[in-house]
Amino acid sequence: MIVTIGRLKKAIAKKLKIEESEAMDLAERVLSYFGFTNVIIDNVIAPADRKLFYRLHDAGLLQSYAESLVLQNGRTWRIFYWEISDDNVGRILKKKGKPKDGTYSKLPAEYWSRLGAQA
């Protein structure tokens, strides 16, 4: 399934902890490479944008993989690909933050101080 710019923008903002306006710029840059497909060859990416792709890869928004082909002269040729998945974007958007009213928030303040614990 194709990733929409709105979903990618939200996922980038969430994972990279940036403003949505900056995330929109990054989402547009990324999707300008993918167009109407979810896999592209690494050779089409500008060197300046490759850093962005690795950053999004580390954040779990993009995946990369390679395939090896044996040429007629016996040499091995490696082709690198980038993939964007709506499933990955969806998982990131569904992840919840830390619970605000968890078990630890119910403990009295003196439990968090060394002096309080020793007294």
C-alpha atoms as a PDB file:
ATOM      1  CA  MET A   1       0.000   0.000   0.000  1.00  0.00           C
ATOM      2  CA  ILE A   2       1.222   3.519  -0.780  1.00  0.00           C
ATOM      3  CA  VAL A   3       2.116   5.819   2.120  1.00  0.00           C
ATOM      4  CA  THR A   4       0.252   9.131   2.179  1.00  0.00           C
ATOM      5  CA  ILE A   5       2.049  12.382   2.838  1.00  0.00           C
ATOM      6  CA  GLY A   6      -0.164  13.137   5.842  1.00  0.00           C
ATOM      7  CA  ARG A   7       0.603   9.836   7.579  1.00  0.00           C
ATOM      8  CA  LEU A   8       4.301  10.068   6.793  1.00  0.00           C
ATOM      9  CA  LYS A   9       4.420  13.643   8.112  1.00  0.00           C
ATOM     10  CA  LYS A  10       2.854  12.584  11.415  1.00  0.00           C
ATOM     11  CA  ALA A  11       5.147   9.571  11.767  1.00  0.00           C
ATOM     12  CA  ILE A  12       8.269  11.646  11.037  1.00  0.00           C
ATOM     13  CA  ALA A  13       7.208  14.313  13.540  1.00  0.00           C
ATOM     14  CA  LYS A  14       6.586  11.645  16.182  1.00  0.00           C
ATOM     15  CA  LYS A  15       9.777   9.623  15.675  1.00  0.00           C
ATOM     16  CA  LEU A  16      12.188  12.514  15.121  1.00  0.00           C
ATOM     17  CA  LYS A  17      10.447  14.757  17.684  1.00  0.00           C
ATOM     18  CA  ILE A  18      10.210  17.717  15.324  1.00  0.00           C
ATOM     19  CA  GLU A  19       7.497  20.217  14.399  1.00  0.00           C
ATOM     20  CA  GLU A  20       4.925  19.104  11.830  1.00  0.00           C
ATOM     21  CA  SER A  21       5.928  21.887   9.429  1.00  0.00           C
ATOM     22  CA  GLU A  22       9.503  20.575   9.316  1.00  0.00           C
ATOM     23  CA  ALA A  23       8.203  17.006   9.121  1.00  0.00           C
ATOM     24  CA  MET A  24       6.079  18.008   6.113  1.00  0.00           C
ATOM     25  CA  ASP A  25       9.180  19.249   4.271  1.00  0.00           C
ATOM     26  CA  LEU A  26      10.968  15.961   4.978  1.00  0.00           C
ATOM     27  CA  ALA A  27       7.935  13.888   3.972  1.00  0.00           C
ATOM     28  CA  GLU A  28       7.694  15.759   0.668  1.00  0.00           C
ATOM     29  CA  ARG A  29      11.413  15.177  -0.024  1.00  0.00           C
ATOM     30  CA  VAL A  30      11.107  11.467   0.678  1.00  0.00           C
ATOM     31  CA  LEU A  31       7.912  10.919  -1.278  1.00  0.00           C
ATOM     32  CA  SER A  32       9.283  12.833  -4.261  1.00  0.00           C
ATOM     33  CA  TYR A  33      11.643   9.882  -4.730  1.00  0.00           C
ATOM     34  CA  PHE A  34       9.038   7.160  -4.252  1.00  0.00           C
ATOM     35  CA  GLY A  35       6.202   8.595  -6.335  1.00  0.00           C
ATOM     36  CA  PHE A  36       3.586   5.860  -6.788  1.00  0.00           C
ATOM     37  CA  THR A  37       5.767   2.955  -5.723  1.00  0.00           C
ATOM     38  CA  ASN A  38       7.082   1.737  -2.397  1.00  0.00           C
ATOM     39  CA  VAL A  39      10.584   0.619  -3.503  1.00  0.00           C
ATOM     40  CA  ILE A  40      13.318   2.660  -5.169  1.00  0.00           C
ATOM     41  CA  ILE A  41      16.909   2.000  -6.142  1.00  0.00           C
ATOM     42  CA  ASP A  42      19.558   3.736  -4.052  1.00  0.00           C
ATOM     43  CA  ASN A  43      21.298   5.256  -7.092  1.00  0.00           C
ATOM     44  CA  VAL A  44      18.517   7.812  -7.644  1.00  0.00           C
ATOM     45  CA  ILE A  45      18.975   9.451  -4.236  1.00  0.00           C
ATOM     46  CA  ALA A  46      20.974  12.676  -4.053  1.00  0.00           C
ATOM     47  CA  PRO A  47      23.897  12.479  -1.586  1.00  0.00           C
ATOM     48  CA  ALA A  48      22.368  15.223   0.591  1.00  0.00           C
ATOM     49  CA  ASP A  49      19.095  13.283   0.843  1.00  0.00           C
ATOM     50  CA  ARG A  50      20.813   9.970   1.577  1.00  0.00           C
ATOM     51  CA  LYS A  51      21.564  11.238   5.113  1.00  0.00           C
ATOM     52  CA  LEU A  52      17.834  11.819   5.575  1.00  0.00           C
ATOM     53  CA  PHE A  53      17.068   8.314   4.322  1.00  0.00           C
ATOM     54  CA  TYR A  54      19.509   6.797   6.840  1.00  0.00           C
ATOM     55  CA  ARG A  55      18.002   8.914   9.611  1.00  0.00           C
ATOM     56  CA  LEU A  56      14.518   7.664   8.732  1.00  0.00           C
ATOM     57  CA  HIS A  57      15.879   4.128   8.465  1.00  0.00           C
ATOM     58  CA  ASP A  58      17.229   4.378  12.017  1.00  0.00           C
ATOM     59  CA  ALA A  59      13.819   5.675  13.137  1.00  0.00           C
ATOM     60  CA  GLY A  60      12.093   2.648  11.591  1.00  0.00           C
ATOM     61  CA  LEU A  61      10.287   4.515   8.824  1.00  0.00           C
ATOM     62  CA  LEU A  62      12.341   3.196   5.904  1.00  0.00           C
ATOM     63  CA  GLN A  63      13.923  -0.165   5.210  1.00  0.00           C
ATOM     64  CA  SER A  64      16.883  -0.956   3.020  1.00  0.00           C
ATOM     65  CA  TYR A  65      18.049  -4.153   1.419  1.00  0.00           C
ATOM     66  CA  ALA A  66      20.436  -5.315  -1.277  1.00  0.00           C
ATOM     67  CA  GLU A  67      20.578  -8.007  -3.901  1.00  0.00           C
ATOM     68  CA  SER A  68      23.638  -9.462  -5.533  1.00  0.00           C
ATOM     69  CA  LEU A  69      23.860 -10.353  -9.202  1.00  0.00           C
ATOM     70  CA  VAL A  70      26.655 -12.215 -10.929  1.00  0.00           C
ATOM     71  CA  LEU A  71      27.671 -10.513 -14.160  1.00  0.00           C
ATOM     72  CA  GLN A  72      28.727 -12.392 -17.287  1.00  0.00           C
ATOM     73  CA  ASN A  73      32.376 -11.707 -16.507  1.00  0.00           C
ATOM     74  CA  GLY A  74      31.963 -13.382 -13.089  1.00  0.00           C
ATOM     75  CA  ARG A  75      32.013 -10.221 -10.973  1.00  0.00           C
ATOM     76  CA  THR A  76      29.322  -9.639  -8.364  1.00  0.00           C
ATOM     77  CA  TRP A  77      27.213  -6.517  -8.648  1.00  0.00           C
ATOM     78  CA  ARG A  78      25.257  -5.323  -5.620  1.00  0.00           C
ATOM     79  CA  ILE A  79      22.097  -3.282  -6.014  1.00  0.00           C
ATOM     80  CA  PHE A  80      20.769  -1.393  -2.992  1.00  0.00           C
ATOM     81  CA  TYR A  81      17.099  -0.533  -2.502  1.00  0.00           C
ATOM     82  CA  TRP A  82      14.999   1.594  -0.170  1.00  0.00           C
ATOM     83  CA  GLU A  83      11.479   0.621   0.825  1.00  0.00           C
ATOM     84  CA  ILE A  84       8.750   2.613   2.506  1.00  0.00           C
ATOM     85  CA  SER A  85       5.925   0.671   4.093  1.00  0.00           C
ATOM     86  CA  ASP A  86       2.518   1.890   5.204  1.00  0.00           C
ATOM     87  CA  ASP A  87       2.550  -0.920   7.783  1.00  0.00           C
ATOM     88  CA  ASN A  88       5.686   0.508   9.427  1.00  0.00           C
ATOM     89  CA  VAL A  89       4.230   4.024   9.374  1.00  0.00           C
ATOM     90  CA  GLY A  90       0.989   2.685  10.863  1.00  0.00           C
ATOM     91  CA  ARG A  91       2.809   0.889  13.681  1.00  0.00           C
ATOM     92  CA  ILE A  92       4.671   4.070  14.574  1.00  0.00           C
ATOM     93  CA  LEU A  93       1.481   6.114  14.589  1.00  0.00           C
ATOM     94  CA  LYS A  94      -0.296   3.565  16.814  1.00  0.00           C
ATOM     95  CA  LYS A  95       2.471   3.355  19.439  1.00  0.00           C
ATOM     96  CA  LYS A  96       1.509   5.018  22.659  1.00  0.00           C
ATOM     97  CA  GLY A  97       3.811   7.180  24.724  1.00  0.00           C
ATOM     98  CA  LYS A  98       4.681   6.452  28.329  1.00  0.00           C
ATOM     99  CA  PRO A  99       1.617   6.097  30.534  1.00  0.00           C
ATOM    100  CA  LYS A 100       1.102   9.197  32.654  1.00  0.00           C
ATOM    101  CA  ASP A 101      -0.753   7.534  35.516  1.00  0.00           C
ATOM    102  CA  GLY A 102       1.287   4.376  35.960  1.00  0.00           C
ATOM    103  CA  THR A 103       2.269   2.551  39.119  1.00  0.00           C
ATOM    104  CA  TYR A 104       5.279   4.741  39.831  1.00  0.00           C
ATOM    105  CA  SER A 105       3.308   7.967  39.684  1.00  0.00           C
ATOM    106  CA  LYS A 106       1.193   6.738  42.614  1.00  0.00           C
ATOM    107  CA  LEU A 107       4.177   6.343  44.954  1.00  0.00           C
ATOM    108  CA  PRO A 108       4.687   9.040  47.573  1.00  0.00           C
ATOM    109  CA  ALA A 109       7.401  11.628  46.926  1.00  0.00           C
ATOM    110  CA  GLU A 110       9.553  10.371  49.814  1.00  0.00           C
ATOM    111  CA  TYR A 111      10.093   7.087  47.966  1.00  0.00           C
ATOM    112  CA  TRP A 112      12.034   8.980  45.298  1.00  0.00           C
ATOM    113  CA  SER A 113      14.476  10.665  47.632  1.00  0.00           C
ATOM    114  CA  ARG A 114      17.437   8.871  49.130  1.00  0.00           C
ATOM    115  CA  LEU A 115      17.054  10.842  52.345  1.00  0.00           C
ATOM    116  CA  GLY A 116      13.377   9.950  52.546  1.00  0.00           C
ATOM    117  CA  ALA A 117      14.141   6.267  52.020  1.00  0.00           C
ATOM    118  CA  GLN A 118      16.830   6.233  54.730  1.00  0.00           C
ATOM    119  CA  ALA A 119      14.901   8.257  57.298  1.00  0.00           C
END
